[in-house]
Amino acid sequence: MTIDRIAPLDPIQPGKQSGRADQAGKSKEADSIKISSEAAEKADFYRTIELVDTASDVREDRIAELKAKINDPSYLNDTIIKATADQIMNAFGL
């Protein structure tokens, strides 16, 4: 199979300009994008997940409150111990 050139290039003469570069430079409208409401909702969702992931799992104020309750001798009674045991058993599905 033989492939012939369509038009040979002459290295002495400059190539023809298509004029496309001039058309691109003359555009007066600014580029813009539009984000759909679905994309905005997903972005908010992912931002929320990121905030939750970076939040601390340890709540110092709650830990201090529980330590104070445990150290109080009147806090630990049979009712509290039974309720705690019941919650533990329910958590394990027993």
N, C-alpha and C. Protein backbone atom coordinates (compact mmCIF):
# COMPACT_ATOMS: atom_id res chain seq x y z
N MET A 1 0.85 -1.16 0.00
CA MET A 1 0.00 0.00 0.00
C MET A 1 0.90 1.23 0.00
N THR A 2 0.57 2.17 -0.83
CA THR A 2 1.35 3.40 -0.95
C THR A 2 0.50 4.56 -0.48
N ILE A 3 1.10 5.40 0.38
CA ILE A 3 0.40 6.59 0.86
C ILE A 3 1.11 7.80 0.29
N ASP A 4 0.38 8.58 -0.48
CA ASP A 4 0.92 9.80 -1.05
C ASP A 4 0.59 10.97 -0.13
N ARG A 5 1.50 11.93 -0.11
CA ARG A 5 1.24 13.13 0.68
C ARG A 5 0.16 13.97 0.00
N ILE A 6 -0.64 14.61 0.84
CA ILE A 6 -1.71 15.44 0.28
C ILE A 6 -1.12 16.72 -0.29
N ALA A 7 -0.34 17.39 0.48
CA ALA A 7 0.30 18.63 0.02
C ALA A 7 1.67 18.70 0.66
N PRO A 8 2.70 18.70 -0.13
CA PRO A 8 4.05 18.75 0.46
C PRO A 8 4.30 20.10 1.12
N LEU A 9 5.08 20.08 2.19
CA LEU A 9 5.44 21.31 2.90
C LEU A 9 6.70 21.88 2.26
N ASP A 10 6.66 23.16 2.01
CA ASP A 10 7.83 23.85 1.46
C ASP A 10 8.51 24.54 2.63
N PRO A 11 9.75 24.17 3.00
CA PRO A 11 10.39 24.75 4.17
C PRO A 11 10.73 26.23 4.01
N ILE A 12 10.68 26.75 2.82
CA ILE A 12 11.03 28.15 2.61
C ILE A 12 9.82 29.05 2.83
N GLN A 13 8.65 28.64 2.42
CA GLN A 13 7.45 29.46 2.57
C GLN A 13 6.79 29.15 3.92
N PRO A 14 6.35 30.18 4.60
CA PRO A 14 5.67 29.93 5.88
C PRO A 14 4.33 29.25 5.65
N GLY A 15 3.91 28.45 6.60
CA GLY A 15 2.64 27.74 6.47
C GLY A 15 1.47 28.70 6.60
N LYS A 16 0.33 28.26 6.12
CA LYS A 16 -0.86 29.09 6.19
C LYS A 16 -1.37 29.14 7.63
N GLN A 17 -1.84 30.30 8.03
CA GLN A 17 -2.45 30.47 9.34
C GLN A 17 -3.95 30.20 9.21
N SER A 18 -4.46 29.44 10.11
CA SER A 18 -5.88 29.10 10.02
C SER A 18 -6.77 30.20 10.57
N GLY A 19 -6.22 31.09 11.38
CA GLY A 19 -7.02 32.16 11.95
C GLY A 19 -7.70 31.76 13.25
N ARG A 20 -7.53 30.56 13.69
CA ARG A 20 -8.16 30.11 14.93
C ARG A 20 -7.59 30.82 16.15
N ALA A 21 -6.34 31.13 16.14
CA ALA A 21 -5.73 31.80 17.29
C ALA A 21 -6.35 33.18 17.48
N ASP A 22 -6.67 33.85 16.38
CA ASP A 22 -7.30 35.17 16.48
C ASP A 22 -8.71 35.05 17.04
N GLN A 23 -9.42 34.02 16.67
CA GLN A 23 -10.79 33.84 17.16
C GLN A 23 -10.81 33.57 18.66
N ALA A 24 -9.86 32.81 19.14
CA ALA A 24 -9.82 32.49 20.56
C ALA A 24 -9.50 33.72 21.38
N GLY A 25 -8.67 34.59 20.90
CA GLY A 25 -8.28 35.78 21.63
C GLY A 25 -9.36 36.85 21.65
N LYS A 26 -10.31 36.82 20.76
CA LYS A 26 -11.33 37.85 20.65
C LYS A 26 -12.54 37.59 21.54
N SER A 27 -12.59 36.47 22.21
CA SER A 27 -13.73 36.15 23.06
C SER A 27 -13.81 37.14 24.21
N LYS A 28 -14.96 37.80 24.36
CA LYS A 28 -15.13 38.80 25.40
C LYS A 28 -15.87 38.24 26.62
N GLU A 29 -16.50 37.10 26.48
CA GLU A 29 -17.23 36.51 27.59
C GLU A 29 -16.28 35.78 28.53
N ALA A 30 -16.49 35.95 29.82
CA ALA A 30 -15.66 35.27 30.81
C ALA A 30 -16.12 33.82 30.94
N ASP A 31 -15.18 32.95 31.23
CA ASP A 31 -15.52 31.55 31.46
C ASP A 31 -16.28 31.44 32.78
N SER A 32 -17.21 30.52 32.82
CA SER A 32 -17.95 30.31 34.05
C SER A 32 -18.38 28.85 34.14
N ILE A 33 -18.66 28.44 35.36
CA ILE A 33 -19.17 27.09 35.58
C ILE A 33 -20.40 27.20 36.46
N LYS A 34 -21.26 26.21 36.36
CA LYS A 34 -22.44 26.16 37.20
C LYS A 34 -22.45 24.81 37.90
N ILE A 35 -22.64 24.85 39.21
CA ILE A 35 -22.67 23.63 40.00
C ILE A 35 -24.12 23.27 40.27
N SER A 36 -24.46 22.04 39.99
CA SER A 36 -25.84 21.61 40.19
C SER A 36 -26.15 21.54 41.68
N SER A 37 -27.41 21.58 42.01
CA SER A 37 -27.82 21.50 43.41
C SER A 37 -27.43 20.15 44.01
N GLU A 38 -27.46 19.10 43.20
CA GLU A 38 -27.06 17.77 43.68
C GLU A 38 -25.57 17.76 44.04
N ALA A 39 -24.74 18.38 43.20
CA ALA A 39 -23.31 18.44 43.48
C ALA A 39 -23.04 19.28 44.73
N ALA A 40 -23.78 20.36 44.92
CA ALA A 40 -23.61 21.20 46.11
C ALA A 40 -23.99 20.43 47.37
N GLU A 41 -25.07 19.65 47.30
CA GLU A 41 -25.49 18.84 48.45
C GLU A 41 -24.44 17.79 48.78
N LYS A 42 -23.88 17.15 47.75
CA LYS A 42 -22.84 16.14 47.99
C LYS A 42 -21.60 16.78 48.59
N ALA A 43 -21.24 17.98 48.13
CA ALA A 43 -20.08 18.67 48.69
C ALA A 43 -20.30 18.98 50.16
N ASP A 44 -21.51 19.43 50.52
CA ASP A 44 -21.83 19.69 51.93
C ASP A 44 -21.76 18.40 52.74
N PHE A 45 -22.25 17.31 52.17
CA PHE A 45 -22.23 16.02 52.84
C PHE A 45 -20.78 15.58 53.11
N TYR A 46 -19.92 15.70 52.10
CA TYR A 46 -18.53 15.29 52.28
C TYR A 46 -17.80 16.20 53.26
N ARG A 47 -18.13 17.50 53.27
CA ARG A 47 -17.54 18.41 54.25
C ARG A 47 -17.95 18.02 55.66
N THR A 48 -19.21 17.62 55.83
CA THR A 48 -19.69 17.19 57.14
C THR A 48 -18.98 15.93 57.59
N ILE A 49 -18.82 14.99 56.69
CA ILE A 49 -18.10 13.75 57.02
C ILE A 49 -16.66 14.06 57.44
N GLU A 50 -16.04 14.97 56.72
CA GLU A 50 -14.66 15.35 57.04
C GLU A 50 -14.57 15.99 58.43
N LEU A 51 -15.54 16.82 58.77
CA LEU A 51 -15.56 17.44 60.09
C LEU A 51 -15.75 16.40 61.19
N VAL A 52 -16.63 15.43 60.94
CA VAL A 52 -16.87 14.38 61.93
C VAL A 52 -15.63 13.52 62.09
N ASP A 53 -14.96 13.21 60.99
CA ASP A 53 -13.76 12.37 61.06
C ASP A 53 -12.63 13.06 61.82
N THR A 54 -12.55 14.38 61.71
CA THR A 54 -11.46 15.10 62.37
C THR A 54 -11.80 15.48 63.81
N ALA A 55 -13.06 15.33 64.21
CA ALA A 55 -13.47 15.67 65.57
C ALA A 55 -12.89 14.65 66.55
N SER A 56 -12.61 15.12 67.74
CA SER A 56 -12.06 14.26 68.78
C SER A 56 -13.14 13.33 69.32
N ASP A 57 -12.79 12.07 69.55
CA ASP A 57 -13.72 11.11 70.10
C ASP A 57 -13.81 11.22 71.63
N VAL A 58 -12.84 11.85 72.24
CA VAL A 58 -12.79 11.97 73.69
C VAL A 58 -13.40 13.30 74.11
N ARG A 59 -14.41 13.22 74.96
CA ARG A 59 -15.04 14.42 75.49
C ARG A 59 -14.57 14.59 76.93
N GLU A 60 -13.61 15.47 77.13
CA GLU A 60 -12.97 15.64 78.43
C GLU A 60 -13.97 16.04 79.50
N ASP A 61 -14.94 16.89 79.16
CA ASP A 61 -15.91 17.32 80.15
C ASP A 61 -16.76 16.16 80.65
N ARG A 62 -17.14 15.26 79.75
CA ARG A 62 -17.95 14.10 80.13
C ARG A 62 -17.13 13.13 80.99
N ILE A 63 -15.86 12.96 80.65
CA ILE A 63 -15.00 12.07 81.43
C ILE A 63 -14.82 12.60 82.84
N ALA A 64 -14.60 13.90 82.98
CA ALA A 64 -14.45 14.52 84.30
C ALA A 64 -15.73 14.35 85.12
N GLU A 65 -16.88 14.50 84.48
CA GLU A 65 -18.17 14.34 85.17
C GLU A 65 -18.33 12.91 85.68
N LEU A 66 -18.00 11.93 84.84
CA LEU A 66 -18.13 10.53 85.25
C LEU A 66 -17.14 10.16 86.35
N LYS A 67 -15.93 10.69 86.29
CA LYS A 67 -14.96 10.43 87.36
C LYS A 67 -15.46 10.97 88.69
N ALA A 68 -16.06 12.16 88.65
CA ALA A 68 -16.59 12.74 89.87
C ALA A 68 -17.73 11.88 90.43
N LYS A 69 -18.59 11.36 89.56
CA LYS A 69 -19.70 10.52 90.02
C LYS A 69 -19.18 9.22 90.63
N ILE A 70 -18.20 8.61 89.99
CA ILE A 70 -17.66 7.34 90.48
C ILE A 70 -16.96 7.52 91.82
N ASN A 71 -16.28 8.63 92.00
CA ASN A 71 -15.57 8.89 93.26
C ASN A 71 -16.53 9.24 94.40
N ASP A 72 -17.75 9.61 94.09
CA ASP A 72 -18.75 9.92 95.11
C ASP A 72 -19.30 8.60 95.66
N PRO A 73 -19.11 8.31 96.95
CA PRO A 73 -19.55 7.02 97.50
C PRO A 73 -21.07 6.82 97.45
N SER A 74 -21.82 7.89 97.44
CA SER A 74 -23.28 7.73 97.42
C SER A 74 -23.81 7.44 96.01
N TYR A 75 -22.99 7.63 94.99
CA TYR A 75 -23.45 7.41 93.60
C TYR A 75 -23.58 5.92 93.30
N LEU A 76 -22.57 5.14 93.71
CA LEU A 76 -22.60 3.71 93.40
C LEU A 76 -23.47 2.99 94.42
N ASN A 77 -24.67 2.66 94.00
CA ASN A 77 -25.55 1.86 94.84
C ASN A 77 -26.08 0.70 94.01
N ASP A 78 -26.87 -0.13 94.62
CA ASP A 78 -27.35 -1.33 93.92
C ASP A 78 -28.19 -0.99 92.70
N THR A 79 -28.95 0.08 92.73
CA THR A 79 -29.79 0.46 91.59
C THR A 79 -28.93 0.85 90.39
N ILE A 80 -27.90 1.65 90.61
CA ILE A 80 -27.01 2.09 89.53
C ILE A 80 -26.23 0.90 88.96
N ILE A 81 -25.75 0.03 89.83
CA ILE A 81 -24.98 -1.13 89.38
C ILE A 81 -25.87 -2.06 88.56
N LYS A 82 -27.11 -2.29 88.99
CA LYS A 82 -28.02 -3.16 88.24
C LYS A 82 -28.38 -2.54 86.89
N ALA A 83 -28.63 -1.23 86.86
CA ALA A 83 -28.97 -0.56 85.59
C ALA A 83 -27.80 -0.62 84.62
N THR A 84 -26.58 -0.45 85.14
CA THR A 84 -25.39 -0.53 84.28
C THR A 84 -25.21 -1.94 83.74
N ALA A 85 -25.40 -2.93 84.59
CA ALA A 85 -25.26 -4.32 84.15
C ALA A 85 -26.32 -4.65 83.08
N ASP A 86 -27.54 -4.16 83.29
CA ASP A 86 -28.60 -4.40 82.30
C ASP A 86 -28.25 -3.77 80.95
N GLN A 87 -27.71 -2.57 80.98
CA GLN A 87 -27.33 -1.91 79.72
C GLN A 87 -26.21 -2.65 79.01
N ILE A 88 -25.27 -3.17 79.77
CA ILE A 88 -24.16 -3.96 79.18
C ILE A 88 -24.73 -5.23 78.53
N MET A 89 -25.63 -5.90 79.23
CA MET A 89 -26.22 -7.14 78.69
C MET A 89 -27.04 -6.83 77.43
N ASN A 90 -27.78 -5.72 77.43
CA ASN A 90 -28.56 -5.35 76.25
C ASN A 90 -27.65 -5.01 75.07
N ALA A 91 -26.50 -4.40 75.34
CA ALA A 91 -25.58 -4.04 74.27
C ALA A 91 -25.04 -5.28 73.57
N PHE A 92 -24.89 -6.36 74.32
CA PHE A 92 -24.40 -7.62 73.74
C PHE A 92 -25.53 -8.52 73.27
N GLY A 93 -26.77 -8.04 73.40
CA GLY A 93 -27.91 -8.80 72.91
C GLY A 93 -28.24 -10.01 73.76
N LEU A 94 -27.91 -9.96 75.01
CA LEU A 94 -28.18 -11.09 75.91
C LEU A 94 -29.38 -10.83 76.78
